[in-house]
């Protein structure tokens, strides 16, 4: 789940309620863009963040 610091506790509570206490979280920094931007900006930020996550996981997996 992609989440900003503002909604971290809500994300954790959601996982707990679904009996997934260790569910994965990607914490996005609290910035003007992640807190108060238009939908299109949030979609761009989300896409970029997820792409970086996938690249990191792919690189880590390939190194094994």
Protein backbone atom coordinates (compact mmCIF):
# COMPACT_ATOMS: atom_id res chain seq x y z
CA UNK A 1 0.00 0.00 0.00
CA UNK A 2 1.31 3.45 -0.88
CA UNK A 3 0.68 5.83 1.98
CA UNK A 4 1.83 9.21 3.26
CA UNK A 5 2.75 9.80 6.88
CA UNK A 6 -0.60 11.50 7.33
CA UNK A 7 -2.46 8.20 6.74
CA UNK A 8 0.06 5.74 8.17
CA UNK A 9 -1.99 4.83 11.23
CA UNK A 10 -5.11 4.34 9.10
CA UNK A 11 -3.18 2.04 6.75
CA UNK A 12 -1.86 -0.01 9.67
CA UNK A 13 -5.35 -0.24 11.19
CA UNK A 14 -6.72 -1.40 7.83
CA UNK A 15 -4.14 -4.17 7.66
CA UNK A 16 -4.84 -5.16 11.27
CA UNK A 17 -8.58 -5.35 10.60
CA UNK A 18 -7.88 -7.70 7.69
CA UNK A 19 -5.57 -9.82 9.83
CA UNK A 20 -2.47 -8.74 7.90
CA UNK A 21 -0.47 -6.98 10.63
CA UNK A 22 2.74 -7.12 8.59
CA UNK A 23 1.24 -5.98 5.29
CA UNK A 24 3.67 -4.12 3.06
CA UNK A 25 3.68 -0.34 3.15
CA UNK A 26 5.52 2.13 0.96
CA UNK A 27 5.79 5.36 2.92
CA UNK A 28 5.80 8.42 0.72
CA UNK A 29 7.35 11.60 2.13
CA UNK A 30 5.09 14.33 3.39
CA UNK A 31 5.39 17.14 0.87
CA UNK A 32 3.12 19.79 -0.57
CA UNK A 33 2.58 17.51 -3.59
CA UNK A 34 1.70 14.37 -1.63
CA UNK A 35 -0.62 16.21 0.74
CA UNK A 36 -2.50 18.79 -1.30
CA UNK A 37 -2.15 18.11 -5.02
CA UNK A 38 -4.63 17.40 -7.76
CA UNK A 39 -5.56 13.84 -8.67
CA UNK A 40 -3.35 13.82 -11.80
CA UNK A 41 -0.31 14.84 -9.74
CA UNK A 42 -1.01 12.12 -7.17
CA UNK A 43 -1.36 9.54 -9.94
CA UNK A 44 2.01 10.63 -11.39
CA UNK A 45 3.69 10.47 -7.98
CA UNK A 46 2.16 7.05 -7.31
CA UNK A 47 3.26 5.70 -10.68
CA UNK A 48 6.82 6.98 -10.19
CA UNK A 49 7.02 5.62 -6.64
CA UNK A 50 5.70 2.21 -7.63
CA UNK A 51 8.11 2.02 -10.58
CA UNK A 52 11.03 2.74 -8.24
CA UNK A 53 9.78 0.07 -5.84
CA UNK A 54 9.48 -2.54 -8.60
CA UNK A 55 12.94 -1.65 -9.89
CA UNK A 56 14.42 -2.00 -6.40
CA UNK A 57 12.72 -5.33 -5.80
CA UNK A 58 13.72 -6.64 -9.23
CA UNK A 59 17.34 -5.60 -8.73
CA UNK A 60 17.43 -7.11 -5.24
CA UNK A 61 15.94 -10.36 -6.53
CA UNK A 62 18.39 -10.57 -9.42
CA UNK A 63 21.36 -10.14 -7.09
CA UNK A 64 20.59 -13.37 -5.21
